[in-house]
Each structure stands twice: as structure tokens, then as C-alpha cells.
Amino acid sequence: KHGFNKRMFFISDFQAPSFDVSNFPEDSLIKTLLVPLNANNIDNIYVDSLSFVDPIFQVGQNISLNVRIVNKSEK
């Protein structure tokens, strides 16, 4: 059993020089998860909003999300 009660997801191509995971403070109650994206032809796309379908979480059950992704590129 983990002592984590929070999870933080970073979804990115991790190309920006300003992103350095080692600069994040360590927190024993937050598990940080990095989700890398392939950066081929992805310009100015970002997650605008994210919400949980069900506000009640149960151990061992999947969680459904509503995610709004915005494309500000010219493509």
C-alpha cells in the first residue's frame, strides 16, 4: 500500500527548457506521473480543462475524465 493520497499528472512533450522535474519539491503525499507525448507536428496544443465524471473515487476502480484539448496551431 502506498502512502499517496494525491496524484499529479504532467502531460507534455517535455521540450520546453523551462520544464525541469528535478525542480519540483518532493512530497510524500503526492505521486508525480509524467506522460510524455510524441512532439512530431504538435504545435500549440494544450489541455484547457479537466474534470472527473464521478466525484467519488473507489479503491481499485478506474476513473473517467472529461478533457478539453485546444489546438491553437495554424493546422
Protein backbone atom coordinates (compact mmCIF):
# COMPACT_ATOMS: atom_id res chain seq x y z
CA LYS A 1 0.00 0.00 0.00
CA HIS A 2 1.27 3.45 -0.93
CA GLY A 3 1.01 6.49 1.32
CA PHE A 4 -0.06 8.63 -1.64
CA ASN A 5 -3.43 10.33 -1.47
CA LYS A 6 -2.85 12.63 -4.47
CA ARG A 7 -1.54 12.11 -7.97
CA MET A 8 -0.20 14.83 -10.24
CA PHE A 9 -0.05 14.12 -13.98
CA PHE A 10 2.19 16.09 -16.33
CA ILE A 11 1.18 15.58 -19.96
CA SER A 12 3.75 17.19 -22.25
CA ASP A 13 6.32 16.73 -24.98
CA PHE A 14 8.81 17.97 -22.34
CA GLN A 15 10.72 20.05 -24.90
CA ALA A 16 10.48 23.42 -23.18
CA PRO A 17 13.76 24.25 -21.46
CA SER A 18 11.80 25.67 -18.53
CA PHE A 19 10.43 22.24 -17.55
CA ASP A 20 12.75 20.51 -15.14
CA VAL A 21 11.17 17.83 -12.98
CA SER A 22 14.11 17.99 -10.57
CA ASN A 23 12.97 21.50 -9.56
CA PHE A 24 9.72 20.13 -8.13
CA PRO A 25 9.62 19.80 -4.36
CA GLU A 26 9.31 16.24 -3.14
CA ASP A 27 6.07 15.49 -1.35
CA SER A 28 5.43 12.13 0.27
CA LEU A 29 1.66 12.53 -0.24
CA ILE A 30 1.75 13.36 -3.97
CA LYS A 31 2.77 10.83 -6.60
CA THR A 32 4.04 12.63 -9.72
CA LEU A 33 3.41 10.87 -13.04
CA LEU A 34 4.98 12.04 -16.30
CA VAL A 35 3.04 11.29 -19.50
CA PRO A 36 5.27 12.07 -22.49
CA LEU A 37 3.75 12.94 -25.87
CA ASN A 38 5.45 12.48 -29.21
CA ALA A 39 6.31 16.02 -30.36
CA ASN A 40 6.09 15.39 -34.12
CA ASN A 41 3.92 18.12 -35.65
CA ILE A 42 2.30 19.10 -32.38
CA ASP A 43 2.20 22.89 -32.12
CA ASN A 44 0.39 24.94 -29.50
CA ILE A 45 -1.88 22.22 -28.21
CA TYR A 46 -2.84 22.28 -24.55
CA VAL A 47 -5.27 20.87 -22.02
CA ASP A 48 -7.81 23.62 -21.36
CA SER A 49 -9.82 21.87 -18.69
CA LEU A 50 -10.17 18.54 -16.98
CA SER A 51 -12.92 17.23 -14.73
CA PHE A 52 -13.83 13.91 -13.18
CA VAL A 53 -17.03 12.21 -14.38
CA ASP A 54 -17.74 10.90 -10.87
CA PRO A 55 -16.58 12.93 -7.84
CA ILE A 56 -16.41 9.80 -5.67
CA PHE A 57 -13.37 7.54 -6.07
CA GLN A 58 -13.19 3.91 -5.04
CA VAL A 59 -10.01 1.94 -4.47
CA GLY A 60 -9.22 -0.36 -7.38
CA GLN A 61 -11.77 1.27 -9.73
CA ASN A 62 -10.99 3.12 -12.96
CA ILE A 63 -11.54 6.88 -13.04
CA SER A 64 -13.25 8.54 -16.02
CA LEU A 65 -12.26 12.06 -17.05
CA ASN A 66 -13.67 14.77 -19.29
CA VAL A 67 -10.78 16.53 -21.01
CA ARG A 68 -10.96 19.57 -23.29
CA ILE A 69 -7.92 19.93 -25.56
CA VAL A 70 -7.41 23.17 -27.51
CA ASN A 71 -5.40 23.44 -30.73
CA LYS A 72 -4.03 26.97 -31.28
CA SER A 73 -1.78 25.99 -34.18
CA GLU A 74 -2.46 27.00 -37.75
CA LYS A 75 -3.08 23.38 -38.76
